[in-house]
Amino acid sequence: QFRIGDDGFERMLVVAPLGTSPARAGRISQRLLEIETYRLMALRGLPVAKELGPMLARAEVRCPA
């Protein structure tokens, strides 16, 4: 669940099996942060994509296949 808290921060809890090495836990955490970064970057373009969607749909209808 991706939600920003009242303080403006998002929190993640990484739960790993007992015996997971600190290095492995760090790699898991890093991958999760990278996924979140990519998700946020993709969302930055969403308003523009929504705005251009109808125009692109009209252009697609006019273009011969």
PDB file of N, CA and C in Angstrom:
ATOM      1  N   GLN A   1       0.850  -1.159   0.000  1.00  0.00           N
ATOM      2  CA  GLN A   1       0.000   0.000   0.000  1.00  0.00           C
ATOM      3  C   GLN A   1       0.905   1.233   0.000  1.00  0.00           C
ATOM      4  N   PHE A   2       0.776   2.055  -1.023  1.00  0.00           N
ATOM      5  CA  PHE A   2       1.617   3.238  -1.151  1.00  0.00           C
ATOM      6  C   PHE A   2       0.819   4.445  -0.674  1.00  0.00           C
ATOM      7  N   ARG A   3       1.225   4.978   0.466  1.00  0.00           N
ATOM      8  CA  ARG A   3       0.518   6.113   1.025  1.00  0.00           C
ATOM      9  C   ARG A   3       1.515   7.009   1.733  1.00  0.00           C
ATOM     10  N   ILE A   4       1.378   8.299   1.511  1.00  0.00           N
ATOM     11  CA  ILE A   4       2.226   9.273   2.187  1.00  0.00           C
ATOM     12  C   ILE A   4       1.588   9.594   3.532  1.00  0.00           C
ATOM     13  N   GLY A   5       2.395   9.585   4.574  1.00  0.00           N
ATOM     14  CA  GLY A   5       1.889   9.881   5.910  1.00  0.00           C
ATOM     15  C   GLY A   5       1.621  11.358   6.093  1.00  0.00           C
ATOM     16  N   ASP A   6       0.994  11.685   7.200  1.00  0.00           N
ATOM     17  CA  ASP A   6       0.692  13.085   7.518  1.00  0.00           C
ATOM     18  C   ASP A   6       1.952  13.932   7.582  1.00  0.00           C
ATOM     19  N   ASP A   7       3.084  13.299   7.885  1.00  0.00           N
ATOM     20  CA  ASP A   7       4.344  14.033   7.969  1.00  0.00           C
ATOM     21  C   ASP A   7       5.026  14.189   6.614  1.00  0.00           C
ATOM     22  N   GLY A   8       4.403  13.654   5.541  1.00  0.00           N
ATOM     23  CA  GLY A   8       4.959  13.798   4.204  1.00  0.00           C
ATOM     24  C   GLY A   8       5.922  12.701   3.802  1.00  0.00           C
ATOM     25  N   PHE A   9       6.096  11.716   4.655  1.00  0.00           N
ATOM     26  CA  PHE A   9       7.021  10.628   4.370  1.00  0.00           C
ATOM     27  C   PHE A   9       6.269   9.331   4.117  1.00  0.00           C
ATOM     28  N   GLU A  10       6.895   8.467   3.344  1.00  0.00           N
ATOM     29  CA  GLU A  10       6.380   7.125   3.122  1.00  0.00           C
ATOM     30  C   GLU A  10       7.280   6.161   3.884  1.00  0.00           C
ATOM     31  N   ARG A  11       6.693   5.164   4.486  1.00  0.00           N
ATOM     32  CA  ARG A  11       7.473   4.200   5.248  1.00  0.00           C
ATOM     33  C   ARG A  11       7.315   2.814   4.644  1.00  0.00           C
ATOM     34  N   MET A  12       8.389   2.037   4.710  1.00  0.00           N
ATOM     35  CA  MET A  12       8.378   0.652   4.257  1.00  0.00           C
ATOM     36  C   MET A  12       8.898  -0.222   5.379  1.00  0.00           C
ATOM     37  N   LEU A  13       8.276  -1.364   5.512  1.00  0.00           N
ATOM     38  CA  LEU A  13       8.754  -2.349   6.474  1.00  0.00           C
ATOM     39  C   LEU A  13       9.229  -3.548   5.669  1.00  0.00           C
ATOM     40  N   VAL A  14      10.498  -3.880   5.823  1.00  0.00           N
ATOM     41  CA  VAL A  14      11.077  -5.034   5.137  1.00  0.00           C
ATOM     42  C   VAL A  14      11.199  -6.152   6.157  1.00  0.00           C
ATOM     43  N   VAL A  15      10.491  -7.237   5.909  1.00  0.00           N
ATOM     44  CA  VAL A  15      10.524  -8.384   6.808  1.00  0.00           C
ATOM     45  C   VAL A  15      11.262  -9.502   6.086  1.00  0.00           C
ATOM     46  N   ALA A  16      12.323  -9.983   6.701  1.00  0.00           N
ATOM     47  CA  ALA A  16      13.138 -11.045   6.108  1.00  0.00           C
ATOM     48  C   ALA A  16      13.191 -12.219   7.079  1.00  0.00           C
ATOM     49  N   PRO A  17      13.379 -13.412   6.552  1.00  0.00           N
ATOM     50  CA  PRO A  17      13.459 -14.585   7.431  1.00  0.00           C
ATOM     51  C   PRO A  17      14.629 -14.468   8.411  1.00  0.00           C
ATOM     52  N   LEU A  18      14.487 -15.145   9.539  1.00  0.00           N
ATOM     53  CA  LEU A  18      15.584 -15.186  10.501  1.00  0.00           C
ATOM     54  C   LEU A  18      16.827 -15.748   9.820  1.00  0.00           C
ATOM     55  N   GLY A  19      17.961 -15.205  10.158  1.00  0.00           N
ATOM     56  CA  GLY A  19      19.205 -15.687   9.575  1.00  0.00           C
ATOM     57  C   GLY A  19      19.603 -14.955   8.300  1.00  0.00           C
ATOM     58  N   THR A  20      18.756 -14.036   7.836  1.00  0.00           N
ATOM     59  CA  THR A  20      19.116 -13.248   6.661  1.00  0.00           C
ATOM     60  C   THR A  20      20.291 -12.351   7.023  1.00  0.00           C
ATOM     61  N   SER A  21      21.308 -12.388   6.209  1.00  0.00           N
ATOM     62  CA  SER A  21      22.491 -11.580   6.515  1.00  0.00           C
ATOM     63  C   SER A  21      22.175 -10.095   6.331  1.00  0.00           C
ATOM     64  N   PRO A  22      22.900  -9.248   7.029  1.00  0.00           N
ATOM     65  CA  PRO A  22      22.700  -7.806   6.839  1.00  0.00           C
ATOM     66  C   PRO A  22      22.919  -7.379   5.387  1.00  0.00           C
ATOM     67  N   ALA A  23      23.880  -8.003   4.708  1.00  0.00           N
ATOM     68  CA  ALA A  23      24.132  -7.648   3.309  1.00  0.00           C
ATOM     69  C   ALA A  23      22.924  -8.003   2.443  1.00  0.00           C
ATOM     70  N   ARG A  24      22.331  -9.173   2.683  1.00  0.00           N
ATOM     71  CA  ARG A  24      21.156  -9.601   1.912  1.00  0.00           C
ATOM     72  C   ARG A  24      19.975  -8.682   2.206  1.00  0.00           C
ATOM     73  N   ALA A  25      19.763  -8.342   3.464  1.00  0.00           N
ATOM     74  CA  ALA A  25      18.684  -7.421   3.832  1.00  0.00           C
ATOM     75  C   ALA A  25      18.900  -6.057   3.172  1.00  0.00           C
ATOM     76  N   GLY A  26      20.135  -5.621   3.089  1.00  0.00           N
ATOM     77  CA  GLY A  26      20.444  -4.355   2.425  1.00  0.00           C
ATOM     78  C   GLY A  26      20.134  -4.404   0.944  1.00  0.00           C
ATOM     79  N   ARG A  27      20.459  -5.535   0.298  1.00  0.00           N
ATOM     80  CA  ARG A  27      20.151  -5.670  -1.135  1.00  0.00           C
ATOM     81  C   ARG A  27      18.645  -5.672  -1.384  1.00  0.00           C
ATOM     82  N   ILE A  28      17.909  -6.364  -0.512  1.00  0.00           N
ATOM     83  CA  ILE A  28      16.446  -6.380  -0.644  1.00  0.00           C
ATOM     84  C   ILE A  28      15.889  -4.965  -0.489  1.00  0.00           C
ATOM     85  N   SER A  29      16.363  -4.252   0.525  1.00  0.00           N
ATOM     86  CA  SER A  29      15.901  -2.883   0.762  1.00  0.00           C
ATOM     87  C   SER A  29      16.240  -1.980  -0.421  1.00  0.00           C
ATOM     88  N   GLN A  30      17.443  -2.135  -0.961  1.00  0.00           N
ATOM     89  CA  GLN A  30      17.846  -1.312  -2.101  1.00  0.00           C
ATOM     90  C   GLN A  30      16.955  -1.577  -3.302  1.00  0.00           C
ATOM     91  N   ARG A  31      16.641  -2.827  -3.563  1.00  0.00           N
ATOM     92  CA  ARG A  31      15.768  -3.152  -4.697  1.00  0.00           C
ATOM     93  C   ARG A  31      14.377  -2.566  -4.511  1.00  0.00           C
ATOM     94  N   LEU A  32      13.854  -2.642  -3.290  1.00  0.00           N
ATOM     95  CA  LEU A  32      12.541  -2.055  -3.032  1.00  0.00           C
ATOM     96  C   LEU A  32      12.553  -0.543  -3.252  1.00  0.00           C
ATOM     97  N   LEU A  33      13.604   0.116  -2.817  1.00  0.00           N
ATOM     98  CA  LEU A  33      13.708   1.562  -3.033  1.00  0.00           C
ATOM     99  C   LEU A  33      13.833   1.899  -4.516  1.00  0.00           C
ATOM    100  N   GLU A  34      14.545   1.071  -5.274  1.00  0.00           N
ATOM    101  CA  GLU A  34      14.658   1.302  -6.711  1.00  0.00           C
ATOM    102  C   GLU A  34      13.301   1.140  -7.390  1.00  0.00           C
ATOM    103  N   ILE A  35      12.545   0.110  -6.991  1.00  0.00           N
ATOM    104  CA  ILE A  35      11.207  -0.087  -7.553  1.00  0.00           C
ATOM    105  C   ILE A  35      10.325   1.123  -7.256  1.00  0.00           C
ATOM    106  N   GLU A  36      10.385   1.616  -6.031  1.00  0.00           N
ATOM    107  CA  GLU A  36       9.593   2.781  -5.654  1.00  0.00           C
ATOM    108  C   GLU A  36      10.015   4.016  -6.445  1.00  0.00           C
ATOM    109  N   THR A  37      11.309   4.171  -6.667  1.00  0.00           N
ATOM    110  CA  THR A  37      11.796   5.306  -7.464  1.00  0.00           C
ATOM    111  C   THR A  37      11.258   5.228  -8.888  1.00  0.00           C
ATOM    112  N   TYR A  38      11.318   4.056  -9.508  1.00  0.00           N
ATOM    113  CA  TYR A  38      10.801   3.891 -10.868  1.00  0.00           C
ATOM    114  C   TYR A  38       9.301   4.147 -10.916  1.00  0.00           C
ATOM    115  N   ARG A  39       8.579   3.706  -9.886  1.00  0.00           N
ATOM    116  CA  ARG A  39       7.134   3.918  -9.836  1.00  0.00           C
ATOM    117  C   ARG A  39       6.818   5.416  -9.786  1.00  0.00           C
ATOM    118  N   LEU A  40       7.535   6.134  -8.931  1.00  0.00           N
ATOM    119  CA  LEU A  40       7.302   7.570  -8.818  1.00  0.00           C
ATOM    120  C   LEU A  40       7.666   8.303 -10.099  1.00  0.00           C
ATOM    121  N   MET A  41       8.737   7.886 -10.752  1.00  0.00           N
ATOM    122  CA  MET A  41       9.127   8.529 -12.016  1.00  0.00           C
ATOM    123  C   MET A  41       8.066   8.295 -13.087  1.00  0.00           C
ATOM    124  N   ALA A  42       7.507   7.088 -13.132  1.00  0.00           N
ATOM    125  CA  ALA A  42       6.452   6.794 -14.099  1.00  0.00           C
ATOM    126  C   ALA A  42       5.212   7.639 -13.821  1.00  0.00           C
ATOM    127  N   LEU A  43       4.886   7.829 -12.549  1.00  0.00           N
ATOM    128  CA  LEU A  43       3.706   8.618 -12.203  1.00  0.00           C
ATOM    129  C   LEU A  43       3.867  10.092 -12.562  1.00  0.00           C
ATOM    130  N   ARG A  44       5.089  10.563 -12.640  1.00  0.00           N
ATOM    131  CA  ARG A  44       5.302  11.977 -13.003  1.00  0.00           C
ATOM    132  C   ARG A  44       4.780  12.282 -14.399  1.00  0.00           C
ATOM    133  N   GLY A  45       4.826  11.299 -15.294  1.00  0.00           N
ATOM    134  CA  GLY A  45       4.348  11.502 -16.657  1.00  0.00           C
ATOM    135  C   GLY A  45       2.865  11.252 -16.838  1.00  0.00           C
ATOM    136  N   LEU A  46       2.192  10.730 -15.823  1.00  0.00           N
ATOM    137  CA  LEU A  46       0.783  10.371 -15.943  1.00  0.00           C
ATOM    138  C   LEU A  46      -0.121  11.558 -16.289  1.00  0.00           C
ATOM    139  N   PRO A  47       0.002  12.718 -15.658  1.00  0.00           N
ATOM    140  CA  PRO A  47      -0.877  13.841 -16.028  1.00  0.00           C
ATOM    141  C   PRO A  47      -0.735  14.236 -17.503  1.00  0.00           C
ATOM    142  N   VAL A  48       0.471  14.233 -18.014  1.00  0.00           N
ATOM    143  CA  VAL A  48       0.686  14.586 -19.423  1.00  0.00           C
ATOM    144  C   VAL A  48       0.062  13.525 -20.324  1.00  0.00           C
ATOM    145  N   ALA A  49       0.243  12.251 -19.975  1.00  0.00           N
ATOM    146  CA  ALA A  49      -0.333  11.170 -20.766  1.00  0.00           C
ATOM    147  C   ALA A  49      -1.861  11.257 -20.782  1.00  0.00           C
ATOM    148  N   LYS A  50      -2.458  11.575 -19.645  1.00  0.00           N
ATOM    149  CA  LYS A  50      -3.916  11.723 -19.587  1.00  0.00           C
ATOM    150  C   LYS A  50      -4.385  12.893 -20.442  1.00  0.00           C
ATOM    151  N   GLU A  51      -3.622  13.957 -20.421  1.00  0.00           N
ATOM    152  CA  GLU A  51      -3.989  15.142 -21.195  1.00  0.00           C
ATOM    153  C   GLU A  51      -3.883  14.877 -22.696  1.00  0.00           C
ATOM    154  N   LEU A  52      -2.863  14.156 -23.110  1.00  0.00           N
ATOM    155  CA  LEU A  52      -2.645  13.906 -24.528  1.00  0.00           C
ATOM    156  C   LEU A  52      -3.432  12.713 -25.064  1.00  0.00           C
ATOM    157  N   GLY A  53      -3.993  11.903 -24.184  1.00  0.00           N
ATOM    158  CA  GLY A  53      -4.710  10.701 -24.605  1.00  0.00           C
ATOM    159  C   GLY A  53      -5.792  10.944 -25.649  1.00  0.00           C
ATOM    160  N   PRO A  54      -6.735  11.862 -25.420  1.00  0.00           N
ATOM    161  CA  PRO A  54      -7.787  12.092 -26.416  1.00  0.00           C
ATOM    162  C   PRO A  54      -7.247  12.568 -27.769  1.00  0.00           C
ATOM    163  N   MET A  55      -6.248  13.436 -27.740  1.00  0.00           N
ATOM    164  CA  MET A  55      -5.667  13.917 -28.995  1.00  0.00           C
ATOM    165  C   MET A  55      -5.015  12.767 -29.763  1.00  0.00           C
ATOM    166  N   LEU A  56      -4.294  11.914 -29.052  1.00  0.00           N
ATOM    167  CA  LEU A  56      -3.648  10.772 -29.702  1.00  0.00           C
ATOM    168  C   LEU A  56      -4.676   9.789 -30.247  1.00  0.00           C
ATOM    169  N   ALA A  57      -5.777   9.608 -29.537  1.00  0.00           N
ATOM    170  CA  ALA A  57      -6.835   8.713 -30.014  1.00  0.00           C
ATOM    171  C   ALA A  57      -7.436   9.242 -31.313  1.00  0.00           C
ATOM    172  N   ARG A  58      -7.663  10.563 -31.387  1.00  0.00           N
ATOM    173  CA  ARG A  58      -8.201  11.153 -32.626  1.00  0.00           C
ATOM    174  C   ARG A  58      -7.203  10.995 -33.770  1.00  0.00           C
ATOM    175  N   ALA A  59      -5.945  11.236 -33.498  1.00  0.00           N
ATOM    176  CA  ALA A  59      -4.918  11.106 -34.543  1.00  0.00           C
ATOM    177  C   ALA A  59      -4.815   9.653 -35.027  1.00  0.00           C
ATOM    178  N   GLU A  60      -4.956   8.703 -34.117  1.00  0.00           N
ATOM    179  CA  GLU A  60      -4.880   7.300 -34.480  1.00  0.00           C
ATOM    180  C   GLU A  60      -6.020   6.913 -35.415  1.00  0.00           C
ATOM    181  N   VAL A  61      -7.213   7.476 -35.190  1.00  0.00           N
ATOM    182  CA  VAL A  61      -8.366   7.184 -36.052  1.00  0.00           C
ATOM    183  C   VAL A  61      -8.128   7.744 -37.443  1.00  0.00           C
ATOM    184  N   ARG A  62      -7.501   8.894 -37.544  1.00  0.00           N
ATOM    185  CA  ARG A  62      -7.275   9.531 -38.851  1.00  0.00           C
ATOM    186  C   ARG A  62      -6.149   8.902 -39.636  1.00  0.00           C
ATOM    187  N   CYS A  63      -5.224   8.242 -38.961  1.00  0.00           N
ATOM    188  CA  CYS A  63      -4.063   7.659 -39.653  1.00  0.00           C
ATOM    189  C   CYS A  63      -4.461   6.364 -40.361  1.00  0.00           C
ATOM    190  N   PRO A  64      -4.038   6.214 -41.616  1.00  0.00           N
ATOM    191  CA  PRO A  64      -4.328   4.943 -42.302  1.00  0.00           C
ATOM    192  C   PRO A  64      -3.454   3.834 -41.720  1.00  0.00           C
ATOM    193  N   ALA A  65      -4.009   2.656 -41.708  1.00  0.00           N
ATOM    194  CA  ALA A  65      -3.288   1.517 -41.129  1.00  0.00           C
ATOM    195  C   ALA A  65      -2.318   0.909 -42.110  1.00  0.00           C
TER     196      ALA A  65
END
